[in-house]
């Protein structure tokens, strides 16, 4: 029987062309392809979900922080209100909303008497001066004019005491007569800027 010698090159060629090997390679390639597709299509929805969850968490954290800041602000305002409740309760007397300047009038009468003057007239009017421009829609200036008699030497102290009143009055003009009456007193006219709130329901809201 004749023996047939097969060299290395022919052997490798036979192996490459082996049907079993071809099937094995095809199966391996198909398996790798299927695995890759499964990984891609399985991971993509998962990554999308994770991204969406992270975005929602960031938004919720931002909302939580904003809410905490608002709560802190409200707590601080509540504490300030509690600390200044008494002063705020007196605000209606300082800036009346119904044109009731009774506290101001009683204080003016006391200041005038203490400085040796006597009231002769008093009236309120809408503010028409040019020395003040109001930038508020609630607090409005009014003009208070008072006529009085007294000595010129006491005028400076009177004006100082008037502007020191808690209603924040501002002296705008002062005029007086150089002639003295039989009682030796001079006549003075003082224009004062005061304030009220142009809303009669302001303190009832």
Protein backbone atom coordinates (compact mmCIF):
# COMPACT_ATOMS: atom_id res chain seq x y z
CA UNK A 1 0.00 0.00 0.00
CA UNK A 2 1.33 3.36 -1.08
CA UNK A 3 1.83 5.94 1.62
CA UNK A 4 0.96 9.56 0.88
CA UNK A 5 3.03 12.27 2.48
CA UNK A 6 1.26 15.49 3.47
CA UNK A 7 3.37 18.54 4.13
CA UNK A 8 2.55 21.25 6.69
CA UNK A 9 1.07 23.74 4.20
CA UNK A 10 -1.33 21.18 2.83
CA UNK A 11 -2.32 20.15 6.35
CA UNK A 12 -3.13 23.74 7.35
CA UNK A 13 -5.11 24.15 4.16
CA UNK A 14 -7.12 21.03 4.95
CA UNK A 15 -7.84 22.27 8.45
CA UNK A 16 -9.00 25.66 7.16
CA UNK A 17 -11.26 24.07 4.65
CA UNK A 18 -12.70 21.59 7.15
CA UNK A 19 -16.53 21.89 7.19
CA UNK A 20 -16.61 21.36 10.93
CA UNK A 21 -14.22 24.25 11.47
CA UNK A 22 -16.22 26.54 9.23
CA UNK A 23 -19.38 25.73 11.12
CA UNK A 24 -17.61 26.35 14.42
CA UNK A 25 -16.36 29.75 13.28
CA UNK A 26 -19.77 30.72 11.90
CA UNK A 27 -21.45 29.68 15.13
CA UNK A 28 -18.89 31.60 17.20
CA UNK A 29 -19.31 34.71 15.08
CA UNK A 30 -23.10 34.49 15.27
CA UNK A 31 -22.90 34.02 19.04
CA UNK A 32 -20.66 37.09 19.42
CA UNK A 33 -23.02 39.15 17.25
CA UNK A 34 -26.11 38.09 19.22
CA UNK A 35 -24.31 38.77 22.51
CA UNK A 36 -23.25 42.24 21.33
CA UNK A 37 -26.80 43.06 20.19
CA UNK A 38 -28.24 41.87 23.49
CA UNK A 39 -25.73 43.97 25.44
CA UNK A 40 -26.45 47.08 23.35
CA UNK A 41 -30.24 46.79 23.46
CA UNK A 42 -30.26 45.75 27.12
CA UNK A 43 -27.91 48.49 28.35
CA UNK A 44 -29.33 51.37 26.32
CA UNK A 45 -32.72 51.47 28.12
CA UNK A 46 -30.93 51.03 31.45
CA UNK A 47 -28.60 53.96 30.75
CA UNK A 48 -31.56 56.08 29.64
CA UNK A 49 -33.45 55.27 32.84
CA UNK A 50 -30.41 56.04 35.00
CA UNK A 51 -29.90 59.38 33.23
CA UNK A 52 -33.57 60.31 33.69
CA UNK A 53 -33.49 59.32 37.37
CA UNK A 54 -30.34 61.40 37.95
CA UNK A 55 -31.99 64.40 36.30
CA UNK A 56 -35.13 64.01 38.41
CA UNK A 57 -33.02 63.70 41.57
CA UNK A 58 -31.15 66.91 40.75
CA UNK A 59 -34.44 68.73 40.13
CA UNK A 60 -35.91 67.41 43.39
CA UNK A 61 -32.79 68.42 45.30
CA UNK A 62 -32.99 71.92 43.82
CA UNK A 63 -36.69 72.19 44.77
CA UNK A 64 -35.96 70.90 48.26
CA UNK A 65 -33.19 73.47 48.73
CA UNK A 66 -35.45 76.26 47.46
CA UNK A 67 -38.22 75.16 49.82
CA UNK A 68 -35.79 75.05 52.75
CA UNK A 69 -34.63 78.59 51.94
CA UNK A 70 -38.23 79.83 51.84
CA UNK A 71 -39.00 78.14 55.15
CA UNK A 72 -35.91 79.74 56.70
CA UNK A 73 -36.93 83.15 55.36
CA UNK A 74 -40.47 82.79 56.71
CA UNK A 75 -39.13 81.68 60.09
CA UNK A 76 -36.82 84.70 60.23
CA UNK A 77 -39.67 87.04 59.28
CA UNK A 78 -41.92 85.47 61.89
CA UNK A 79 -39.24 85.99 64.54
CA UNK A 80 -38.72 89.61 63.46
CA UNK A 81 -42.46 90.21 63.58
CA UNK A 82 -42.64 88.75 67.10
CA UNK A 83 -39.75 90.95 68.22
CA UNK A 84 -41.26 94.12 66.71
CA UNK A 85 -44.94 93.38 67.25
CA UNK A 86 -45.31 96.15 69.81
CA UNK A 87 -43.63 98.72 67.59
CA UNK A 88 -45.70 97.64 64.60
CA UNK A 89 -48.82 97.99 66.69
CA UNK A 90 -47.97 101.68 67.21
CA UNK A 91 -47.45 102.24 63.49
CA UNK A 92 -51.09 103.21 63.03
CA UNK A 93 -50.62 106.07 65.48
CA UNK A 94 -47.50 107.30 63.68
CA UNK A 95 -48.84 106.97 60.13
CA UNK A 96 -52.65 107.03 60.34
CA UNK A 97 -54.72 105.56 57.53
CA UNK A 98 -57.91 107.47 58.29
CA UNK A 99 -56.56 111.01 58.63
CA UNK A 100 -56.63 110.80 62.41
CA UNK A 101 -53.62 112.82 63.56
CA UNK A 102 -54.74 112.99 67.19
CA UNK A 103 -51.42 111.69 68.55
CA UNK A 104 -49.48 114.19 66.46
CA UNK A 105 -51.72 117.04 67.58
CA UNK A 106 -51.38 116.21 71.26
CA UNK A 107 -47.60 116.02 70.91
CA UNK A 108 -47.45 119.34 69.04
CA UNK A 109 -49.59 121.03 71.67
CA UNK A 110 -47.25 119.76 74.40
CA UNK A 111 -44.09 120.84 72.53
CA UNK A 112 -45.50 124.29 71.76
CA UNK A 113 -46.49 124.91 75.37
CA UNK A 114 -43.18 123.62 76.71
CA UNK A 115 -41.27 126.13 74.57
CA UNK A 116 -43.36 129.12 75.65
CA UNK A 117 -45.57 129.39 72.56
CA UNK A 118 -49.34 129.43 72.17
CA UNK A 119 -51.23 127.89 69.23
CA UNK A 120 -53.47 130.28 67.34
CA UNK A 121 -54.41 128.16 64.30
CA UNK A 122 -53.84 124.75 62.78
CA UNK A 123 -54.90 123.08 59.52
CA UNK A 124 -54.04 120.23 57.19
CA UNK A 125 -53.81 120.36 53.41
CA UNK A 126 -52.66 118.21 50.49
CA UNK A 127 -48.94 118.44 49.96
CA UNK A 128 -48.04 120.79 47.10
CA UNK A 129 -44.45 121.54 48.00
CA UNK A 130 -41.42 120.99 45.78
CA UNK A 131 -38.98 119.97 48.50
CA UNK A 132 -40.11 116.36 48.57
CA UNK A 133 -40.95 113.82 45.89
CA UNK A 134 -42.80 110.72 47.04
CA UNK A 135 -41.69 107.41 45.55
CA UNK A 136 -44.23 105.33 47.46
CA UNK A 137 -47.77 104.42 46.55
CA UNK A 138 -48.98 104.00 50.14
CA UNK A 139 -47.24 106.59 52.31
CA UNK A 140 -48.33 110.07 51.22
CA UNK A 141 -47.14 113.48 52.45
CA UNK A 142 -49.50 116.07 53.93
CA UNK A 143 -48.94 119.71 54.81
CA UNK A 144 -49.60 120.80 58.38
CA UNK A 145 -49.65 124.55 58.99
CA UNK A 146 -49.62 125.91 62.50
CA UNK A 147 -49.93 129.52 63.60
CA UNK A 148 -48.57 130.45 67.01
CA UNK A 149 -47.31 133.28 69.16
CA UNK A 150 -44.17 133.41 71.20
CA UNK A 151 -40.67 134.78 71.49
CA UNK A 152 -38.16 134.51 68.67
CA UNK A 153 -35.45 133.43 71.09
CA UNK A 154 -37.33 130.16 71.70
CA UNK A 155 -37.94 129.40 68.01
CA UNK A 156 -34.88 127.19 67.39
CA UNK A 157 -35.66 124.92 70.34
CA UNK A 158 -39.28 124.69 69.21
CA UNK A 159 -38.32 123.62 65.68
CA UNK A 160 -35.84 121.07 67.03
CA UNK A 161 -38.45 119.55 69.33
CA UNK A 162 -41.05 119.42 66.56
CA UNK A 163 -38.76 117.46 64.23
CA UNK A 164 -37.86 115.08 67.08
CA UNK A 165 -41.45 113.84 67.33
CA UNK A 166 -41.94 110.11 66.54
CA UNK A 167 -44.21 110.90 63.56
CA UNK A 168 -41.17 112.01 61.54
CA UNK A 169 -42.41 115.55 60.78
CA UNK A 170 -40.19 117.77 58.64
CA UNK A 171 -40.09 121.57 58.96
CA UNK A 172 -40.34 123.05 55.48
CA UNK A 173 -40.96 126.77 55.92
CA UNK A 174 -41.03 129.26 58.79
CA UNK A 175 -42.31 132.82 58.58
CA UNK A 176 -42.89 135.41 61.29
CA UNK A 177 -43.81 139.01 61.84
CA UNK A 178 -41.14 141.42 63.00
CA UNK A 179 -43.73 143.47 64.83
CA UNK A 180 -44.59 142.51 68.37
CA UNK A 181 -48.04 142.63 69.87
CA UNK A 182 -49.05 144.44 73.03
CA UNK A 183 -48.09 141.31 74.94
CA UNK A 184 -44.57 141.51 73.52
CA UNK A 185 -44.99 138.30 71.49
CA UNK A 186 -44.44 137.75 67.78
CA UNK A 187 -46.66 135.78 65.36
CA UNK A 188 -45.15 132.74 63.63
CA UNK A 189 -46.34 130.44 60.85
CA UNK A 190 -44.72 127.04 60.44
CA UNK A 191 -45.30 124.64 57.55
CA UNK A 192 -44.62 121.01 58.44
CA UNK A 193 -44.56 117.94 56.20
CA UNK A 194 -46.23 114.93 57.80
CA UNK A 195 -47.29 111.56 56.41
CA UNK A 196 -50.35 109.37 56.31
CA UNK A 197 -51.34 106.19 54.50
CA UNK A 198 -53.60 106.65 51.51
CA UNK A 199 -55.64 103.53 52.23
CA UNK A 200 -58.20 103.50 55.03
CA UNK A 201 -58.19 99.66 55.06
CA UNK A 202 -54.41 99.31 55.18
CA UNK A 203 -54.26 98.13 58.80
CA UNK A 204 -57.31 95.88 58.39
CA UNK A 205 -55.86 93.69 55.66
